[in-house]
PDB file of N, CA and C in Angstrom:
ATOM      1  N   MET A   1      14.391   7.502 -44.901  1.00  0.00           N
ATOM      2  CA  MET A   1      15.444   6.642 -44.377  1.00  0.00           C
ATOM      3  C   MET A   1      14.808   5.440 -43.683  1.00  0.00           C
ATOM      4  N   GLU A   2      15.279   4.284 -44.060  1.00  0.00           N
ATOM      5  CA  GLU A   2      14.725   3.064 -43.504  1.00  0.00           C
ATOM      6  C   GLU A   2      15.662   2.516 -42.432  1.00  0.00           C
ATOM      7  N   LEU A   3      15.065   2.072 -41.315  1.00  0.00           N
ATOM      8  CA  LEU A   3      15.869   1.524 -40.216  1.00  0.00           C
ATOM      9  C   LEU A   3      16.336   0.117 -40.555  1.00  0.00           C
ATOM     10  N   PRO A   4      17.530  -0.243 -40.118  1.00  0.00           N
ATOM     11  CA  PRO A   4      17.938  -1.642 -40.255  1.00  0.00           C
ATOM     12  C   PRO A   4      17.020  -2.533 -39.409  1.00  0.00           C
ATOM     13  N   ALA A   5      16.889  -3.771 -39.823  1.00  0.00           N
ATOM     14  CA  ALA A   5      15.963  -4.684 -39.140  1.00  0.00           C
ATOM     15  C   ALA A   5      16.346  -4.880 -37.675  1.00  0.00           C
ATOM     16  N   TRP A   6      17.637  -4.997 -37.394  1.00  0.00           N
ATOM     17  CA  TRP A   6      18.045  -5.238 -36.004  1.00  0.00           C
ATOM     18  C   TRP A   6      17.703  -4.055 -35.102  1.00  0.00           C
ATOM     19  N   LEU A   7      17.804  -2.827 -35.653  1.00  0.00           N
ATOM     20  CA  LEU A   7      17.494  -1.630 -34.867  1.00  0.00           C
ATOM     21  C   LEU A   7      15.987  -1.527 -34.626  1.00  0.00           C
ATOM     22  N   ALA A   8      15.210  -1.876 -35.642  1.00  0.00           N
ATOM     23  CA  ALA A   8      13.755  -1.862 -35.476  1.00  0.00           C
ATOM     24  C   ALA A   8      13.330  -2.892 -34.435  1.00  0.00           C
ATOM     25  N   ASN A   9      13.955  -4.065 -34.460  1.00  0.00           N
ATOM     26  CA  ASN A   9      13.640  -5.097 -33.471  1.00  0.00           C
ATOM     27  C   ASN A   9      14.026  -4.645 -32.065  1.00  0.00           C
ATOM     28  N   GLU A  10      15.187  -4.044 -31.930  1.00  0.00           N
ATOM     29  CA  GLU A  10      15.623  -3.552 -30.616  1.00  0.00           C
ATOM     30  C   GLU A  10      14.660  -2.484 -30.101  1.00  0.00           C
ATOM     31  N   ALA A  11      14.245  -1.586 -30.983  1.00  0.00           N
ATOM     32  CA  ALA A  11      13.321  -0.524 -30.582  1.00  0.00           C
ATOM     33  C   ALA A  11      11.973  -1.106 -30.162  1.00  0.00           C
ATOM     34  N   ALA A  12      11.497  -2.094 -30.904  1.00  0.00           N
ATOM     35  CA  ALA A  12      10.216  -2.717 -30.570  1.00  0.00           C
ATOM     36  C   ALA A  12      10.291  -3.413 -29.212  1.00  0.00           C
ATOM     37  N   VAL A  13      11.378  -4.132 -28.976  1.00  0.00           N
ATOM     38  CA  VAL A  13      11.553  -4.821 -27.693  1.00  0.00           C
ATOM     39  C   VAL A  13      11.634  -3.806 -26.561  1.00  0.00           C
ATOM     40  N   LEU A  14      12.342  -2.719 -26.782  1.00  0.00           N
ATOM     41  CA  LEU A  14      12.469  -1.680 -25.762  1.00  0.00           C
ATOM     42  C   LEU A  14      11.112  -1.043 -25.453  1.00  0.00           C
ATOM     43  N   ILE A  15      10.330  -0.755 -26.482  1.00  0.00           N
ATOM     44  CA  ILE A  15       9.003  -0.160 -26.283  1.00  0.00           C
ATOM     45  C   ILE A  15       8.094  -1.116 -25.514  1.00  0.00           C
ATOM     46  N   ILE A  16       8.119  -2.385 -25.873  1.00  0.00           N
ATOM     47  CA  ILE A  16       7.296  -3.378 -25.175  1.00  0.00           C
ATOM     48  C   ILE A  16       7.742  -3.517 -23.723  1.00  0.00           C
ATOM     49  N   ALA A  17       9.045  -3.557 -23.487  1.00  0.00           N
ATOM     50  CA  ALA A  17       9.555  -3.697 -22.120  1.00  0.00           C
ATOM     51  C   ALA A  17       9.159  -2.499 -21.259  1.00  0.00           C
ATOM     52  N   VAL A  18       9.302  -1.305 -21.797  1.00  0.00           N
ATOM     53  CA  VAL A  18       8.930  -0.098 -21.039  1.00  0.00           C
ATOM     54  C   VAL A  18       7.437  -0.093 -20.754  1.00  0.00           C
ATOM     55  N   SER A  19       6.633  -0.493 -21.717  1.00  0.00           N
ATOM     56  CA  SER A  19       5.183  -0.542 -21.510  1.00  0.00           C
ATOM     57  C   SER A  19       4.817  -1.535 -20.412  1.00  0.00           C
ATOM     58  N   LEU A  20       5.433  -2.702 -20.433  1.00  0.00           N
ATOM     59  CA  LEU A  20       5.157  -3.699 -19.399  1.00  0.00           C
ATOM     60  C   LEU A  20       5.579  -3.203 -18.025  1.00  0.00           C
ATOM     61  N   VAL A  21       6.726  -2.553 -17.949  1.00  0.00           N
ATOM     62  CA  VAL A  21       7.189  -2.018 -16.665  1.00  0.00           C
ATOM     63  C   VAL A  21       6.215  -0.963 -16.159  1.00  0.00           C
ATOM     64  N   MET A  22       5.714  -0.124 -17.053  1.00  0.00           N
ATOM     65  CA  MET A  22       4.777   0.923 -16.641  1.00  0.00           C
ATOM     66  C   MET A  22       3.455   0.340 -16.161  1.00  0.00           C
ATOM     67  N   ILE A  23       3.112  -0.856 -16.586  1.00  0.00           N
ATOM     68  CA  ILE A  23       1.868  -1.497 -16.151  1.00  0.00           C
ATOM     69  C   ILE A  23       2.098  -2.341 -14.900  1.00  0.00           C
ATOM     70  N   ILE A  24       3.181  -3.118 -14.873  1.00  0.00           N
ATOM     71  CA  ILE A  24       3.405  -4.081 -13.798  1.00  0.00           C
ATOM     72  C   ILE A  24       3.865  -3.419 -12.511  1.00  0.00           C
ATOM     73  N   VAL A  25       4.803  -2.490 -12.585  1.00  0.00           N
ATOM     74  CA  VAL A  25       5.361  -1.885 -11.370  1.00  0.00           C
ATOM     75  C   VAL A  25       4.289  -1.179 -10.542  1.00  0.00           C
ATOM     76  N   PRO A  26       3.442  -0.317 -11.107  1.00  0.00           N
ATOM     77  CA  PRO A  26       2.399   0.297 -10.266  1.00  0.00           C
ATOM     78  C   PRO A  26       1.427  -0.724  -9.678  1.00  0.00           C
ATOM     79  N   ALA A  27       1.120  -1.788 -10.426  1.00  0.00           N
ATOM     80  CA  ALA A  27       0.213  -2.813  -9.908  1.00  0.00           C
ATOM     81  C   ALA A  27       0.833  -3.521  -8.706  1.00  0.00           C
ATOM     82  N   VAL A  28       2.118  -3.841  -8.781  1.00  0.00           N
ATOM     83  CA  VAL A  28       2.801  -4.505  -7.668  1.00  0.00           C
ATOM     84  C   VAL A  28       2.882  -3.577  -6.462  1.00  0.00           C
ATOM     85  N   VAL A  29       3.228  -2.322  -6.688  1.00  0.00           N
ATOM     86  CA  VAL A  29       3.327  -1.358  -5.581  1.00  0.00           C
ATOM     87  C   VAL A  29       1.964  -1.164  -4.932  1.00  0.00           C
ATOM     88  N   PHE A  30       0.905  -1.041  -5.735  1.00  0.00           N
ATOM     89  CA  PHE A  30      -0.436  -0.877  -5.193  1.00  0.00           C
ATOM     90  C   PHE A  30      -0.836  -2.090  -4.359  1.00  0.00           C
ATOM     91  N   GLY A  31      -0.514  -3.287  -4.838  1.00  0.00           N
ATOM     92  CA  GLY A  31      -0.821  -4.499  -4.081  1.00  0.00           C
ATOM     93  C   GLY A  31      -0.072  -4.562  -2.765  1.00  0.00           C
ATOM     94  N   MET A  32       1.199  -4.161  -2.777  1.00  0.00           N
ATOM     95  CA  MET A  32       1.982  -4.166  -1.539  1.00  0.00           C
ATOM     96  C   MET A  32       1.421  -3.163  -0.538  1.00  0.00           C
ATOM     97  N   LEU A  33       1.066  -1.972  -1.000  1.00  0.00           N
ATOM     98  CA  LEU A  33       0.509  -0.961  -0.101  1.00  0.00           C
ATOM     99  C   LEU A  33      -0.841  -1.402   0.456  1.00  0.00           C
ATOM    100  N   LYS A  34      -1.636  -2.045  -0.376  1.00  0.00           N
ATOM    101  CA  LYS A  34      -2.945  -2.518   0.070  1.00  0.00           C
ATOM    102  C   LYS A  34      -2.778  -3.604   1.133  1.00  0.00           C
ATOM    103  N   ARG A  35      -1.837  -4.520   0.926  1.00  0.00           N
ATOM    104  CA  ARG A  35      -1.585  -5.585   1.891  1.00  0.00           C
ATOM    105  C   ARG A  35      -1.046  -5.005   3.197  1.00  0.00           C
ATOM    106  N   LYS A  36      -0.166  -4.008   3.095  1.00  0.00           N
ATOM    107  CA  LYS A  36       0.396  -3.381   4.292  1.00  0.00           C
ATOM    108  C   LYS A  36      -0.695  -2.669   5.087  1.00  0.00           C
ATOM    109  N   ALA A  37      -1.597  -1.989   4.400  1.00  0.00           N
ATOM    110  CA  ALA A  37      -2.687  -1.289   5.084  1.00  0.00           C
ATOM    111  C   ALA A  37      -3.640  -2.276   5.745  1.00  0.00           C
ATOM    112  N   ALA A  38      -3.837  -3.435   5.139  1.00  0.00           N
ATOM    113  CA  ALA A  38      -4.739  -4.433   5.718  1.00  0.00           C
ATOM    114  C   ALA A  38      -4.142  -5.061   6.969  1.00  0.00           C
ATOM    115  N   ARG A  39      -2.821  -5.097   7.068  1.00  0.00           N
ATOM    116  CA  ARG A  39      -2.165  -5.702   8.227  1.00  0.00           C
ATOM    117  C   ARG A  39      -2.170  -4.802   9.454  1.00  0.00           C
ATOM    118  N   GLN A  40      -2.281  -3.483   9.255  1.00  0.00           N
ATOM    119  CA  GLN A  40      -2.232  -2.561  10.383  1.00  0.00           C
ATOM    120  C   GLN A  40      -3.534  -2.630  11.170  1.00  0.00           C
ATOM    121  N   PRO A  41      -3.440  -2.551  12.500  1.00  0.00           N
ATOM    122  CA  PRO A  41      -4.661  -2.621  13.301  1.00  0.00           C
ATOM    123  C   PRO A  41      -5.538  -1.395  13.087  1.00  0.00           C
ATOM    124  N   LYS A  42      -6.833  -1.611  13.202  1.00  0.00           N
ATOM    125  CA  LYS A  42      -7.782  -0.520  13.011  1.00  0.00           C
ATOM    126  C   LYS A  42      -7.772   0.370  14.249  1.00  0.00           C
ATOM    127  N   MET A  43      -7.745   1.670  14.035  1.00  0.00           N
ATOM    128  CA  MET A  43      -7.765   2.605  15.156  1.00  0.00           C
ATOM    129  C   MET A  43      -9.172   2.659  15.746  1.00  0.00           C
ATOM    130  N   MET A  44      -9.231   2.656  17.086  1.00  0.00           N
ATOM    131  CA  MET A  44     -10.521   2.754  17.755  1.00  0.00           C
ATOM    132  C   MET A  44     -10.960   4.217  17.800  1.00  0.00           C
ATOM    133  N   SER A  45     -12.251   4.431  17.699  1.00  0.00           N
ATOM    134  CA  SER A  45     -12.762   5.791  17.830  1.00  0.00           C
ATOM    135  C   SER A  45     -12.738   6.186  19.303  1.00  0.00           C
ATOM    136  N   ASN A  46     -12.920   7.453  19.563  1.00  0.00           N
ATOM    137  CA  ASN A  46     -12.891   7.959  20.931  1.00  0.00           C
ATOM    138  C   ASN A  46     -13.993   7.312  21.774  1.00  0.00           C
ATOM    139  N   GLU A  47     -15.183   7.137  21.189  1.00  0.00           N
ATOM    140  CA  GLU A  47     -16.296   6.533  21.923  1.00  0.00           C
ATOM    141  C   GLU A  47     -16.011   5.068  22.242  1.00  0.00           C
ATOM    142  N   GLU A  48     -15.437   4.340  21.294  1.00  0.00           N
ATOM    143  CA  GLU A  48     -15.098   2.937  21.543  1.00  0.00           C
ATOM    144  C   GLU A  48     -14.060   2.819  22.645  1.00  0.00           C
ATOM    145  N   LEU A  49     -13.083   3.712  22.637  1.00  0.00           N
ATOM    146  CA  LEU A  49     -12.043   3.683  23.657  1.00  0.00           C
ATOM    147  C   LEU A  49     -12.623   3.988  25.033  1.00  0.00           C
ATOM    148  N   LYS A  50     -13.495   4.992  25.117  1.00  0.00           N
ATOM    149  CA  LYS A  50     -14.138   5.316  26.398  1.00  0.00           C
ATOM    150  C   LYS A  50     -14.970   4.142  26.893  1.00  0.00           C
ATOM    151  N   GLY A  51     -15.714   3.507  25.996  1.00  0.00           N
ATOM    152  CA  GLY A  51     -16.523   2.346  26.371  1.00  0.00           C
ATOM    153  C   GLY A  51     -15.666   1.205  26.883  1.00  0.00           C
ATOM    154  N   LYS A  52     -14.537   0.987  26.247  1.00  0.00           N
ATOM    155  CA  LYS A  52     -13.643  -0.087  26.679  1.00  0.00           C
ATOM    156  C   LYS A  52     -13.054   0.219  28.050  1.00  0.00           C
ATOM    157  N   LEU A  53     -12.672   1.476  28.268  1.00  0.00           N
ATOM    158  CA  LEU A  53     -12.126   1.864  29.569  1.00  0.00           C
ATOM    159  C   LEU A  53     -13.179   1.724  30.663  1.00  0.00           C
ATOM    160  N   GLU A  54     -14.419   2.105  30.369  1.00  0.00           N
ATOM    161  CA  GLU A  54     -15.487   1.953  31.356  1.00  0.00           C
ATOM    162  C   GLU A  54     -15.770   0.482  31.618  1.00  0.00           C
ATOM    163  N   LYS A  55     -15.677  -0.339  30.602  1.00  0.00           N
ATOM    164  CA  LYS A  55     -15.976  -1.766  30.744  1.00  0.00           C
ATOM    165  C   LYS A  55     -15.000  -2.447  31.698  1.00  0.00           C
ATOM    166  N   ILE A  56     -13.745  -2.061  31.656  1.00  0.00           N
ATOM    167  CA  ILE A  56     -12.760  -2.693  32.544  1.00  0.00           C
ATOM    168  C   ILE A  56     -12.560  -1.885  33.820  1.00  0.00           C
ATOM    169  N   ASN A  57     -13.454  -0.904  34.047  1.00  0.00           N
ATOM    170  CA  ASN A  57     -13.444  -0.092  35.271  1.00  0.00           C
ATOM    171  C   ASN A  57     -12.082   0.533  35.529  1.00  0.00           C
ATOM    172  N   LEU A  58     -11.525   1.134  34.522  1.00  0.00           N
ATOM    173  CA  LEU A  58     -10.234   1.788  34.678  1.00  0.00           C
ATOM    174  C   LEU A  58     -10.477   3.264  34.926  1.00  0.00           C
ATOM    175  N   ASP A  59     -10.060   3.741  36.073  1.00  0.00           N
ATOM    176  CA  ASP A  59     -10.245   5.143  36.418  1.00  0.00           C
ATOM    177  C   ASP A  59      -8.899   5.830  36.278  1.00  0.00           C
ATOM    178  N   LEU A  60      -8.748   6.594  35.211  1.00  0.00           N
ATOM    179  CA  LEU A  60      -7.456   7.225  34.956  1.00  0.00           C
ATOM    180  C   LEU A  60      -7.191   8.412  35.874  1.00  0.00           C
ATOM    181  N   ASP A  61      -8.230   8.921  36.550  1.00  0.00           N
ATOM    182  CA  ASP A  61      -8.051  10.065  37.439  1.00  0.00           C
ATOM    183  C   ASP A  61      -7.741   9.652  38.873  1.00  0.00           C
ATOM    184  N   SER A  62      -7.763   8.381  39.173  1.00  0.00           N
ATOM    185  CA  SER A  62      -7.495   7.956  40.553  1.00  0.00           C
ATOM    186  C   SER A  62      -6.013   8.126  40.877  1.00  0.00           C
ATOM    187  N   PRO A  63      -5.688   8.399  42.144  1.00  0.00           N
ATOM    188  CA  PRO A  63      -4.281   8.613  42.504  1.00  0.00           C
ATOM    189  C   PRO A  63      -3.413   7.358  42.379  1.00  0.00           C
ATOM    190  N   GLU A  64      -4.023   6.168  42.370  1.00  0.00           N
ATOM    191  CA  GLU A  64      -3.223   4.932  42.271  1.00  0.00           C
ATOM    192  C   GLU A  64      -2.673   4.711  40.870  1.00  0.00           C
ATOM    193  N   SER A  65      -3.334   5.281  39.868  1.00  0.00           N
ATOM    194  CA  SER A  65      -2.898   5.015  38.492  1.00  0.00           C
ATOM    195  C   SER A  65      -1.769   5.917  38.071  1.00  0.00           C
TER     196      SER A  65
END
C-alpha cells in the first residue's frame, strides 16, 4: 500500500518537528539551569566562615550578641 503524497509530506514534517523539539528543548532547559546556577552565590565553607567571623571580631558567645 502506497501512501498519498500529502500524507507522506505531513508525516515527514511531523517527524522533523518532533526531532527538532527533542534536540532544542533539552538544550534550552540545560542553558537556563546552567545560567540559574551561575547566578546563585557560592556557599562558604565552614573554615571560610570561621575565618570571616574571626576577622571582624564577632564573638557569638558574648552576652551582648
